[in-house]
C-alpha cells in the first residue's frame, strides 16, 4: 500500500469560510487523493471554493454524518482505495497531518488510527472546558471496558483500513447509525472486539479563540452538536453494543 491507495475525505455541513480554510491547509506536496462530502449545506461554503478541483459528493438535505461516512466508504470501494482518512471541514484540524493517520496503516502497523489531542506532542488550543472534561471521562470509561489505552475517542480526525468493513460483525449500514452514532459504533467495534490493531497518534485540534455562546453571540461557532439529544446519539452505541442490544 502507498499514499496513492489512500483517500482523504473532508466532511462538511454549513462550515462557511472554514471549509475553504480546511482545504487551504493541504500542502502542495500532498500525495493523497481528496474528496469532499457535503451533507446538505445551505450556506455560502461552496461559493468560496468555486473552482474546487476535488470530487464532491453532495446531499440535497442534511442527512447526518453517518450517511456521509457511508457514502465516502462506498466511493472509496468503487474506486479501488484501501484506506480512508476523515477530516472535519470546520478548520479545527489540518490536512497536512493526514499522513500521520495513514502512514501506520500503509506500513502495516495498524488497521484503525485515532487522532488524539491528549497524547504527548499533540495540540489542543482553546478547547472548551466542558469538551475537555467530557472527552477525558469518556476515554477513561472506554479504556476500562475495552481494556485498551484510550486518550481520545471523540476526535473526528481518524483513519482506517477499508477492508475492516468486510467483516460480517461490522455493519455500518444500519439505520440507527445515520447520524453521530456511526463514528463511535466503529470505534467501539475496533477497540472492544480486539480483532484489529488500534493505534492513536498525536494531532492538532485548534478551536476558535472567541467562541459563540449564549453570552457572546458574535463569537465563532465551534460545534453543531446539540446538548442532550446529539450527545446521546454519540454515546448510545457504547451501551447498545456492550449489552448486546444492537449488532
Protein backbone atom coordinates (compact mmCIF):
# COMPACT_ATOMS: atom_id res chain seq x y z
CA UNK A 1 0.00 0.00 0.00
CA UNK A 2 1.15 3.56 -0.77
CA UNK A 3 -0.37 7.01 -0.36
CA UNK A 4 -1.94 6.55 -3.81
CA UNK A 5 -4.07 3.75 -2.33
CA UNK A 6 -5.49 6.13 0.27
CA UNK A 7 -8.27 8.69 0.20
CA UNK A 8 -8.70 11.77 2.39
CA UNK A 9 -12.33 12.79 2.94
CA UNK A 10 -13.31 16.28 4.07
CA UNK A 11 -16.80 16.11 5.58
CA UNK A 12 -18.66 19.42 5.73
CA UNK A 13 -22.02 20.95 6.60
CA UNK A 14 -22.57 24.73 6.68
CA UNK A 15 -18.94 25.43 7.54
CA UNK A 16 -18.76 28.70 5.62
CA UNK A 17 -15.24 30.07 5.25
CA UNK A 18 -13.93 27.28 7.48
CA UNK A 19 -14.30 24.80 4.63
CA UNK A 20 -12.02 26.90 2.43
CA UNK A 21 -9.53 27.26 5.30
CA UNK A 22 -9.53 23.50 5.79
CA UNK A 23 -8.85 22.88 2.09
CA UNK A 24 -6.15 25.58 2.10
CA UNK A 25 -4.33 23.62 4.82
CA UNK A 26 -3.42 20.97 2.22
CA UNK A 27 0.33 21.12 1.45
CA UNK A 28 1.43 21.47 -2.17
CA UNK A 29 3.29 18.15 -1.98
CA UNK A 30 0.25 16.25 -0.65
CA UNK A 31 0.20 12.85 -2.43
CA UNK A 32 -3.16 11.56 -1.21
CA UNK A 33 -6.35 11.91 -3.25
CA UNK A 34 -9.01 14.08 -1.62
CA UNK A 35 -12.77 14.38 -1.93
CA UNK A 36 -15.45 16.42 -0.17
CA UNK A 37 -18.71 15.05 1.21
CA UNK A 38 -21.22 17.86 1.68
CA UNK A 39 -24.15 16.99 3.93
CA UNK A 40 -26.80 19.34 2.55
CA UNK A 41 -25.04 22.67 3.02
CA UNK A 42 -27.29 25.74 2.73
CA UNK A 43 -24.74 28.48 3.45
CA UNK A 44 -22.07 30.04 1.21
CA UNK A 45 -19.38 27.38 1.81
CA UNK A 46 -19.13 26.37 -1.83
CA UNK A 47 -19.23 29.89 -3.22
CA UNK A 48 -15.81 30.34 -1.61
CA UNK A 49 -14.35 27.29 -3.37
CA UNK A 50 -16.00 27.75 -6.77
CA UNK A 51 -13.03 26.40 -8.73
CA UNK A 52 -12.52 23.48 -6.36
CA UNK A 53 -10.60 20.67 -8.14
CA UNK A 54 -11.93 17.91 -5.87
CA UNK A 55 -14.71 15.41 -6.44
CA UNK A 56 -17.74 16.43 -4.35
CA UNK A 57 -20.49 14.15 -3.07
CA UNK A 58 -23.44 16.38 -2.23
CA UNK A 59 -26.62 15.59 -0.31
CA UNK A 60 -29.77 17.53 -1.18
CA UNK A 61 -30.58 17.86 2.51
CA UNK A 62 -28.82 17.33 5.84
CA UNK A 63 -28.81 13.56 6.36
CA UNK A 64 -26.22 13.01 9.08
CA UNK A 65 -22.51 12.34 9.46
CA UNK A 66 -23.16 8.59 9.44
CA UNK A 67 -24.56 8.71 5.91
CA UNK A 68 -21.69 10.98 4.84
CA UNK A 69 -19.19 8.40 6.10
CA UNK A 70 -21.03 5.57 4.32
CA UNK A 71 -21.04 7.50 1.05
CA UNK A 72 -17.29 8.10 1.37
CA UNK A 73 -16.68 4.41 2.05
CA UNK A 74 -18.80 3.37 -0.94
CA UNK A 75 -16.93 5.82 -3.18
CA UNK A 76 -13.57 4.53 -1.91
CA UNK A 77 -14.53 0.89 -2.56
CA UNK A 78 -15.80 1.64 -6.06
CA UNK A 79 -12.56 3.41 -6.91
CA UNK A 80 -10.16 0.86 -5.50
CA UNK A 81 -8.85 2.68 -2.42
CA UNK A 82 -7.58 0.65 0.53
CA UNK A 83 -7.65 3.18 3.38
CA UNK A 84 -9.65 6.28 4.32
CA UNK A 85 -8.84 9.31 6.45
CA UNK A 86 -11.59 11.65 7.62
CA UNK A 87 -11.07 15.39 8.11
CA UNK A 88 -13.81 17.61 9.63
CA UNK A 89 -14.34 20.64 7.39
CA UNK A 90 -14.57 23.12 10.28
CA UNK A 91 -10.94 24.31 10.24
CA UNK A 92 -10.05 22.75 13.59
CA UNK A 93 -7.79 20.11 12.01
CA UNK A 94 -5.22 20.38 9.25
CA UNK A 95 -4.98 18.26 6.11
CA UNK A 96 -1.20 18.46 6.49
CA UNK A 97 -1.47 15.89 9.32
CA UNK A 98 -3.41 13.29 7.30
CA UNK A 99 -0.22 11.27 6.58
CA UNK A 100 0.24 10.86 10.35
CA UNK A 101 -3.05 8.96 10.33
CA UNK A 102 -2.42 6.89 7.23
CA UNK A 103 1.28 6.02 7.49
CA UNK A 104 0.87 3.39 10.26
CA UNK A 105 -1.79 1.69 8.10
CA UNK A 106 0.40 1.86 4.99
CA UNK A 107 3.31 0.40 6.98
CA UNK A 108 1.16 -2.50 8.18
CA UNK A 109 1.32 -1.44 11.84
CA UNK A 110 -2.37 -0.69 12.43
CA UNK A 111 -5.85 -1.11 10.99
CA UNK A 112 -7.55 1.82 12.73
CA UNK A 113 -5.86 5.08 13.68
CA UNK A 114 -7.43 7.53 16.10
CA UNK A 115 -6.18 11.09 16.18
CA UNK A 116 -5.70 12.22 19.77
CA UNK A 117 -5.37 15.73 21.16
CA UNK A 118 -4.21 14.34 24.51
CA UNK A 119 -1.07 12.42 23.59
CA UNK A 120 2.39 13.98 24.08
CA UNK A 121 3.17 16.09 21.03
CA UNK A 122 -0.48 16.95 20.35
CA UNK A 123 -2.07 20.41 20.29
CA UNK A 124 -5.46 21.39 21.71
CA UNK A 125 -5.59 25.17 21.75
CA UNK A 126 -8.71 26.91 23.14
CA UNK A 127 -10.56 23.66 23.91
CA UNK A 128 -13.82 24.42 25.79
CA UNK A 129 -13.70 23.25 29.40
CA UNK A 130 -16.81 21.08 29.08
CA UNK A 131 -15.38 19.34 26.00
CA UNK A 132 -12.04 18.87 27.73
CA UNK A 133 -13.61 17.15 30.74
CA UNK A 134 -16.23 15.14 28.82
CA UNK A 135 -13.78 13.71 26.28
CA UNK A 136 -11.37 12.63 29.01
CA UNK A 137 -14.13 10.97 31.06
CA UNK A 138 -15.46 9.07 28.04
CA UNK A 139 -11.93 7.96 27.13
CA UNK A 140 -11.36 6.72 30.68
CA UNK A 141 -14.64 4.79 30.67
CA UNK A 142 -13.86 3.20 27.30
CA UNK A 143 -10.35 2.32 28.44
CA UNK A 144 -11.81 0.39 31.36
CA UNK A 145 -14.46 -1.57 29.47
CA UNK A 146 -12.32 -2.32 26.38
CA UNK A 147 -9.05 -3.00 28.25
CA UNK A 148 -7.40 -0.63 25.78
CA UNK A 149 -5.44 2.54 26.49
CA UNK A 150 -7.62 5.29 25.02
CA UNK A 151 -6.98 9.00 25.37
CA UNK A 152 -9.46 10.35 22.80
CA UNK A 153 -12.45 8.61 21.23
CA UNK A 154 -14.43 11.68 20.17
CA UNK A 155 -11.96 13.24 17.73
CA UNK A 156 -13.33 13.04 14.18
CA UNK A 157 -9.85 13.16 12.64
CA UNK A 158 -9.22 9.42 12.15
CA UNK A 159 -8.39 6.76 9.55
CA UNK A 160 -8.94 3.07 8.95
CA UNK A 161 -8.21 0.23 6.57
CA UNK A 162 -11.25 -0.16 4.32
CA UNK A 163 -11.15 -3.97 4.48
CA UNK A 164 -12.40 -3.94 8.09
CA UNK A 165 -15.84 -3.11 6.67
CA UNK A 166 -15.90 -6.56 5.03
CA UNK A 167 -16.16 -8.10 8.49
CA UNK A 168 -19.73 -9.52 8.91
CA UNK A 169 -19.62 -8.42 12.55
CA UNK A 170 -19.34 -4.78 11.45
CA UNK A 171 -22.41 -3.31 9.75
CA UNK A 172 -22.22 0.44 9.21
CA UNK A 173 -25.38 0.44 7.06
CA UNK A 174 -27.83 0.16 9.95
CA UNK A 175 -30.38 2.97 10.01
CA UNK A 176 -29.77 3.83 13.69
CA UNK A 177 -26.22 4.84 12.69
CA UNK A 178 -27.29 7.55 10.22
CA UNK A 179 -26.15 10.47 12.35
CA UNK A 180 -23.45 10.75 15.03
CA UNK A 181 -23.69 7.15 16.25
CA UNK A 182 -21.69 5.59 13.41
CA UNK A 183 -18.36 7.07 14.45
CA UNK A 184 -18.40 5.68 18.00
CA UNK A 185 -20.01 2.44 16.72
CA UNK A 186 -16.98 1.71 14.55
CA UNK A 187 -14.58 2.90 17.27
CA UNK A 188 -16.17 0.55 19.83
CA UNK A 189 -16.21 -2.40 17.41
CA UNK A 190 -12.46 -1.99 16.87
CA UNK A 191 -11.38 -1.41 20.47
CA UNK A 192 -13.79 -3.82 22.21
CA UNK A 193 -13.62 -6.57 19.59
CA UNK A 194 -9.80 -6.88 19.66
CA UNK A 195 -9.77 -8.31 16.11
CA UNK A 196 -7.98 -5.32 14.64
CA UNK A 197 -4.93 -3.27 15.56
CA UNK A 198 -5.80 0.05 17.17
CA UNK A 199 -3.36 2.93 17.47
CA UNK A 200 -3.51 6.59 18.47
CA UNK A 201 -1.34 9.37 17.04
CA UNK A 202 -0.94 12.92 18.37
CA UNK A 203 -2.69 15.54 16.26
CA UNK A 204 -3.62 19.23 16.37
CA UNK A 205 -7.13 20.36 17.32
CA UNK A 206 -7.46 24.14 17.41
CA UNK A 207 -10.76 25.74 18.44
CA UNK A 208 -11.57 29.41 17.73
CA UNK A 209 -10.25 31.64 20.47
CA UNK A 210 -13.52 33.58 20.79
CA UNK A 211 -16.45 31.18 20.70
CA UNK A 212 -20.12 31.81 20.08
CA UNK A 213 -22.25 31.32 23.19
CA UNK A 214 -25.46 32.46 24.85
CA UNK A 215 -23.50 35.38 26.28
CA UNK A 216 -21.36 36.14 23.22
CA UNK A 217 -23.46 35.99 20.04
CA UNK A 218 -20.63 37.42 17.91
CA UNK A 219 -18.12 34.66 18.62
CA UNK A 220 -17.27 31.87 16.17
CA UNK A 221 -19.46 28.77 16.10
CA UNK A 222 -17.35 25.86 17.32
CA UNK A 223 -19.77 22.94 17.27
CA UNK A 224 -23.02 21.76 15.68
CA UNK A 225 -23.65 19.18 18.39
CA UNK A 226 -26.89 19.84 20.25
CA UNK A 227 -26.92 19.26 24.02
CA UNK A 228 -28.53 16.07 25.30
CA UNK A 229 -30.05 14.70 22.04
CA UNK A 230 -26.83 14.65 20.00
CA UNK A 231 -24.69 13.58 22.96
CA UNK A 232 -26.98 10.59 23.46
CA UNK A 233 -26.74 9.75 19.76
CA UNK A 234 -22.94 9.84 20.07
CA UNK A 235 -22.77 7.68 23.20
CA UNK A 236 -25.59 5.18 22.70
CA UNK A 237 -23.56 2.68 20.60
CA UNK A 238 -21.31 2.03 23.62
CA UNK A 239 -24.22 0.82 25.73
CA UNK A 240 -26.27 -0.82 22.97
CA UNK A 241 -23.28 -2.87 21.80
CA UNK A 242 -21.88 -3.57 25.26
CA UNK A 243 -25.18 -5.07 26.41
CA UNK A 244 -25.81 -6.87 23.12
CA UNK A 245 -28.95 -4.89 22.28
CA UNK A 246 -27.62 -3.96 18.81
CA UNK A 247 -25.23 -5.70 16.45
